[in-house]
PDB file of N, CA and C in Angstrom:
ATOM      1  N   MET A   1      74.816 126.823 154.135  1.00  0.00           N
ATOM      2  CA  MET A   1      74.726 127.738 153.019  1.00  0.00           C
ATOM      3  C   MET A   1      75.321 129.068 153.441  1.00  0.00           C
ATOM      4  N   ALA A   2      75.988 129.702 152.515  1.00  0.00           N
ATOM      5  CA  ALA A   2      76.562 131.022 152.768  1.00  0.00           C
ATOM      6  C   ALA A   2      76.122 131.961 151.661  1.00  0.00           C
ATOM      7  N   VAL A   3      75.899 133.197 152.011  1.00  0.00           N
ATOM      8  CA  VAL A   3      75.561 134.224 151.033  1.00  0.00           C
ATOM      9  C   VAL A   3      76.659 135.277 151.090  1.00  0.00           C
ATOM     10  N   VAL A   4      77.250 135.560 149.945  1.00  0.00           N
ATOM     11  CA  VAL A   4      78.287 136.582 149.852  1.00  0.00           C
ATOM     12  C   VAL A   4      77.755 137.689 148.960  1.00  0.00           C
ATOM     13  N   THR A   5      77.770 138.909 149.459  1.00  0.00           N
ATOM     14  CA  THR A   5      77.305 140.055 148.682  1.00  0.00           C
ATOM     15  C   THR A   5      78.513 140.800 148.142  1.00  0.00           C
ATOM     16  N   PHE A   6      78.492 141.097 146.857  1.00  0.00           N
ATOM     17  CA  PHE A   6      79.614 141.756 146.213  1.00  0.00           C
ATOM     18  C   PHE A   6      79.375 143.250 146.106  1.00  0.00           C
ATOM     19  N   GLY A   7      80.451 143.986 146.107  1.00  0.00           N
ATOM     20  CA  GLY A   7      80.394 145.433 145.953  1.00  0.00           C
ATOM     21  C   GLY A   7      81.034 145.843 144.644  1.00  0.00           C
ATOM     22  N   ASP A   8      81.738 146.958 144.668  1.00  0.00           N
ATOM     23  CA  ASP A   8      82.355 147.482 143.450  1.00  0.00           C
ATOM     24  C   ASP A   8      83.871 147.338 143.453  1.00  0.00           C
ATOM     25  N   ASP A   9      84.401 146.504 144.328  1.00  0.00           N
ATOM     26  CA  ASP A   9      85.851 146.322 144.449  1.00  0.00           C
ATOM     27  C   ASP A   9      86.219 144.905 144.043  1.00  0.00           C
ATOM     28  N   PRO A  10      86.694 144.697 142.793  1.00  0.00           N
ATOM     29  CA  PRO A  10      87.005 143.337 142.336  1.00  0.00           C
ATOM     30  C   PRO A  10      88.059 142.639 143.185  1.00  0.00           C
ATOM     31  N   VAL A  11      89.046 143.374 143.685  1.00  0.00           N
ATOM     32  CA  VAL A  11      90.080 142.763 144.517  1.00  0.00           C
ATOM     33  C   VAL A  11      89.478 142.323 145.847  1.00  0.00           C
ATOM     34  N   GLY A  12      88.635 143.158 146.421  1.00  0.00           N
ATOM     35  CA  GLY A  12      87.959 142.798 147.664  1.00  0.00           C
ATOM     36  C   GLY A  12      87.046 141.603 147.480  1.00  0.00           C
ATOM     37  N   GLU A  13      86.368 141.536 146.336  1.00  0.00           N
ATOM     38  CA  GLU A  13      85.495 140.405 146.034  1.00  0.00           C
ATOM     39  C   GLU A  13      86.305 139.116 145.947  1.00  0.00           C
ATOM     40  N   ALA A  14      87.432 139.164 145.261  1.00  0.00           N
ATOM     41  CA  ALA A  14      88.279 137.974 145.129  1.00  0.00           C
ATOM     42  C   ALA A  14      88.806 137.534 146.490  1.00  0.00           C
ATOM     43  N   ARG A  15      89.201 138.491 147.320  1.00  0.00           N
ATOM     44  CA  ARG A  15      89.697 138.145 148.658  1.00  0.00           C
ATOM     45  C   ARG A  15      88.591 137.535 149.512  1.00  0.00           C
ATOM     46  N   ALA A  16      87.388 138.085 149.415  1.00  0.00           N
ATOM     47  CA  ALA A  16      86.266 137.545 150.187  1.00  0.00           C
ATOM     48  C   ALA A  16      85.969 136.111 149.767  1.00  0.00           C
ATOM     49  N   LEU A  17      85.948 135.852 148.466  1.00  0.00           N
ATOM     50  CA  LEU A  17      85.706 134.491 147.977  1.00  0.00           C
ATOM     51  C   LEU A  17      86.802 133.539 148.429  1.00  0.00           C
ATOM     52  N   GLN A  18      88.038 133.964 148.317  1.00  0.00           N
ATOM     53  CA  GLN A  18      89.161 133.117 148.719  1.00  0.00           C
ATOM     54  C   GLN A  18      89.091 132.804 150.205  1.00  0.00           C
ATOM     55  N   SER A  19      88.789 133.793 151.013  1.00  0.00           N
ATOM     56  CA  SER A  19      88.702 133.577 152.463  1.00  0.00           C
ATOM     57  C   SER A  19      87.554 132.642 152.808  1.00  0.00           C
ATOM     58  N   LEU A  20      86.407 132.875 152.202  1.00  0.00           N
ATOM     59  CA  LEU A  20      85.230 132.049 152.470  1.00  0.00           C
ATOM     60  C   LEU A  20      85.478 130.597 152.083  1.00  0.00           C
ATOM     61  N   LEU A  21      86.020 130.382 150.894  1.00  0.00           N
ATOM     62  CA  LEU A  21      86.276 129.014 150.447  1.00  0.00           C
ATOM     63  C   LEU A  21      87.366 128.340 151.278  1.00  0.00           C
ATOM     64  N   SER A  22      88.380 129.080 151.666  1.00  0.00           N
ATOM     65  CA  SER A  22      89.438 128.505 152.508  1.00  0.00           C
ATOM     66  C   SER A  22      88.898 128.064 153.858  1.00  0.00           C
ATOM     67  N   LEU A  23      88.057 128.897 154.466  1.00  0.00           N
ATOM     68  CA  LEU A  23      87.461 128.536 155.753  1.00  0.00           C
ATOM     69  C   LEU A  23      86.570 127.309 155.616  1.00  0.00           C
ATOM     70  N   TRP A  24      85.772 127.274 154.569  1.00  0.00           N
ATOM     71  CA  TRP A  24      84.871 126.140 154.353  1.00  0.00           C
ATOM     72  C   TRP A  24      85.680 124.863 154.116  1.00  0.00           C
ATOM     73  N   LEU A  25      86.706 124.944 153.274  1.00  0.00           N
ATOM     74  CA  LEU A  25      87.519 123.761 152.987  1.00  0.00           C
ATOM     75  C   LEU A  25      88.231 123.243 154.225  1.00  0.00           C
ATOM     76  N   ALA A  26      88.648 124.134 155.101  1.00  0.00           N
ATOM     77  CA  ALA A  26      89.340 123.719 156.324  1.00  0.00           C
ATOM     78  C   ALA A  26      88.430 122.896 157.231  1.00  0.00           C
ATOM     79  N   GLU A  27      87.120 123.083 157.121  1.00  0.00           N
ATOM     80  CA  GLU A  27      86.159 122.354 157.951  1.00  0.00           C
ATOM     81  C   GLU A  27      85.785 120.996 157.370  1.00  0.00           C
ATOM     82  N   GLN A  28      86.144 120.742 156.126  1.00  0.00           N
ATOM     83  CA  GLN A  28      85.704 119.534 155.440  1.00  0.00           C
ATOM     84  C   GLN A  28      86.676 118.382 155.666  1.00  0.00           C
ATOM     85  N   THR A  29      86.112 117.178 155.709  1.00  0.00           N
ATOM     86  CA  THR A  29      86.951 115.984 155.712  1.00  0.00           C
ATOM     87  C   THR A  29      87.212 115.607 154.255  1.00  0.00           C
ATOM     88  N   LEU A  30      88.400 115.153 153.983  1.00  0.00           N
ATOM     89  CA  LEU A  30      88.753 114.828 152.609  1.00  0.00           C
ATOM     90  C   LEU A  30      88.142 113.491 152.203  1.00  0.00           C
ATOM     91  N   PRO A  31      87.354 113.481 151.138  1.00  0.00           N
ATOM     92  CA  PRO A  31      86.772 112.224 150.666  1.00  0.00           C
ATOM     93  C   PRO A  31      87.800 111.431 149.865  1.00  0.00           C
ATOM     94  N   GLU A  32      87.532 110.152 149.727  1.00  0.00           N
ATOM     95  CA  GLU A  32      88.393 109.322 148.886  1.00  0.00           C
ATOM     96  C   GLU A  32      88.254 109.745 147.428  1.00  0.00           C
ATOM     97  N   ARG A  33      87.064 110.160 147.088  1.00  0.00           N
ATOM     98  CA  ARG A  33      86.773 110.585 145.721  1.00  0.00           C
ATOM     99  C   ARG A  33      85.947 111.860 145.809  1.00  0.00           C
ATOM    100  N   ALA A  34      86.234 112.810 144.973  1.00  0.00           N
ATOM    101  CA  ALA A  34      85.500 114.079 144.998  1.00  0.00           C
ATOM    102  C   ALA A  34      84.039 113.859 144.622  1.00  0.00           C
ATOM    103  N   THR A  35      83.151 114.547 145.328  1.00  0.00           N
ATOM    104  CA  THR A  35      81.729 114.467 145.013  1.00  0.00           C
ATOM    105  C   THR A  35      81.413 115.396 143.849  1.00  0.00           C
ATOM    106  N   PRO A  36      80.347 115.105 143.098  1.00  0.00           N
ATOM    107  CA  PRO A  36      79.960 115.986 141.999  1.00  0.00           C
ATOM    108  C   PRO A  36      79.604 117.376 142.532  1.00  0.00           C
ATOM    109  N   ALA A  37      79.847 118.372 141.722  1.00  0.00           N
ATOM    110  CA  ALA A  37      79.532 119.743 142.116  1.00  0.00           C
ATOM    111  C   ALA A  37      79.204 120.562 140.876  1.00  0.00           C
ATOM    112  N   GLN A  38      78.477 121.645 141.102  1.00  0.00           N
ATOM    113  CA  GLN A  38      78.146 122.583 140.038  1.00  0.00           C
ATOM    114  C   GLN A  38      78.410 123.990 140.545  1.00  0.00           C
ATOM    115  N   ALA A  39      78.758 124.881 139.637  1.00  0.00           N
ATOM    116  CA  ALA A  39      78.920 126.289 139.992  1.00  0.00           C
ATOM    117  C   ALA A  39      78.214 127.134 138.942  1.00  0.00           C
ATOM    118  N   HIS A  40      77.492 128.141 139.402  1.00  0.00           N
ATOM    119  CA  HIS A  40      76.766 129.038 138.510  1.00  0.00           C
ATOM    120  C   HIS A  40      77.129 130.472 138.865  1.00  0.00           C
ATOM    121  N   CYS A  41      77.576 131.225 137.873  1.00  0.00           N
ATOM    122  CA  CYS A  41      77.929 132.634 138.079  1.00  0.00           C
ATOM    123  C   CYS A  41      76.887 133.512 137.402  1.00  0.00           C
ATOM    124  N   LYS A  42      76.568 134.629 138.037  1.00  0.00           N
ATOM    125  CA  LYS A  42      75.685 135.626 137.434  1.00  0.00           C
ATOM    126  C   LYS A  42      76.417 136.962 137.452  1.00  0.00           C
ATOM    127  N   TYR A  43      76.334 137.662 136.332  1.00  0.00           N
ATOM    128  CA  TYR A  43      77.026 138.931 136.169  1.00  0.00           C
ATOM    129  C   TYR A  43      76.013 140.041 135.898  1.00  0.00           C
ATOM    130  N   ASP A  44      76.371 141.266 136.265  1.00  0.00           N
ATOM    131  CA  ASP A  44      75.502 142.388 135.933  1.00  0.00           C
ATOM    132  C   ASP A  44      75.801 142.843 134.505  1.00  0.00           C
ATOM    133  N   GLU A  45      75.100 143.873 134.061  1.00  0.00           N
ATOM    134  CA  GLU A  45      75.238 144.338 132.679  1.00  0.00           C
ATOM    135  C   GLU A  45      76.627 144.905 132.368  1.00  0.00           C
ATOM    136  N   ASP A  46      77.386 145.259 133.396  1.00  0.00           N
ATOM    137  CA  ASP A  46      78.745 145.769 133.201  1.00  0.00           C
ATOM    138  C   ASP A  46      79.798 144.660 133.234  1.00  0.00           C
ATOM    139  N   GLY A  47      79.362 143.422 133.423  1.00  0.00           N
ATOM    140  CA  GLY A  47      80.291 142.303 133.453  1.00  0.00           C
ATOM    141  C   GLY A  47      80.871 141.997 134.815  1.00  0.00           C
ATOM    142  N   ASN A  48      80.344 142.628 135.856  1.00  0.00           N
ATOM    143  CA  ASN A  48      80.823 142.369 137.215  1.00  0.00           C
ATOM    144  C   ASN A  48      80.114 141.157 137.800  1.00  0.00           C
ATOM    145  N   LEU A  49      80.868 140.316 138.480  1.00  0.00           N
ATOM    146  CA  LEU A  49      80.292 139.143 139.125  1.00  0.00           C
ATOM    147  C   LEU A  49      79.356 139.588 140.238  1.00  0.00           C
ATOM    148  N   ARG A  50      78.125 139.105 140.218  1.00  0.00           N
ATOM    149  CA  ARG A  50      77.148 139.455 141.246  1.00  0.00           C
ATOM    150  C   ARG A  50      76.843 138.286 142.163  1.00  0.00           C
ATOM    151  N   THR A  51      76.734 137.079 141.630  1.00  0.00           N
ATOM    152  CA  THR A  51      76.499 135.914 142.482  1.00  0.00           C
ATOM    153  C   THR A  51      77.296 134.723 141.965  1.00  0.00           C
ATOM    154  N   LEU A  52      77.694 133.896 142.894  1.00  0.00           N
ATOM    155  CA  LEU A  52      78.346 132.625 142.590  1.00  0.00           C
ATOM    156  C   LEU A  52      77.655 131.584 143.454  1.00  0.00           C
ATOM    157  N   THR A  53      76.952 130.659 142.814  1.00  0.00           N
ATOM    158  CA  THR A  53      76.246 129.602 143.525  1.00  0.00           C
ATOM    159  C   THR A  53      76.976 128.293 143.288  1.00  0.00           C
ATOM    160  N   VAL A  54      77.375 127.636 144.361  1.00  0.00           N
ATOM    161  CA  VAL A  54      78.058 126.350 144.268  1.00  0.00           C
ATOM    162  C   VAL A  54      77.159 125.299 144.900  1.00  0.00           C
ATOM    163  N   ILE A  55      76.869 124.247 144.152  1.00  0.00           N
ATOM    164  CA  ILE A  55      76.027 123.153 144.628  1.00  0.00           C
ATOM    165  C   ILE A  55      76.900 121.912 144.718  1.00  0.00           C
ATOM    166  N   LEU A  56      77.037 121.395 145.918  1.00  0.00           N
ATOM    167  CA  LEU A  56      77.855 120.204 146.136  1.00  0.00           C
ATOM    168  C   LEU A  56      76.969 118.974 146.196  1.00  0.00           C
ATOM    169  N   GLY A  57      77.429 117.892 145.597  1.00  0.00           N
ATOM    170  CA  GLY A  57      76.679 116.651 145.628  1.00  0.00           C
ATOM    171  C   GLY A  57      75.518 116.630 144.668  1.00  0.00           C
ATOM    172  N   GLY A  58      75.488 117.549 143.722  1.00  0.00           N
ATOM    173  CA  GLY A  58      74.410 117.595 142.739  1.00  0.00           C
ATOM    174  C   GLY A  58      74.606 116.565 141.655  1.00  0.00           C
ATOM    175  N   ASP A  59      73.634 116.495 140.791  1.00  0.00           N
ATOM    176  CA  ASP A  59      73.704 115.544 139.667  1.00  0.00           C
ATOM    177  C   ASP A  59      74.603 116.064 138.583  1.00  0.00           C
TER     178      ASP A  59
END
């Protein structure tokens, strides 16, 4: 599990997400078939992304 904390820089947030996901994907073995996954985003009252939760292998 990884926790990413966002600040007030949308470009920095996008770069952090891209880097984190790239590193994680590089560690994974490629399956014959993709496993089910879910993603949940939460935004603050100003519309800024605050959390992104990704659940792999969920229903």
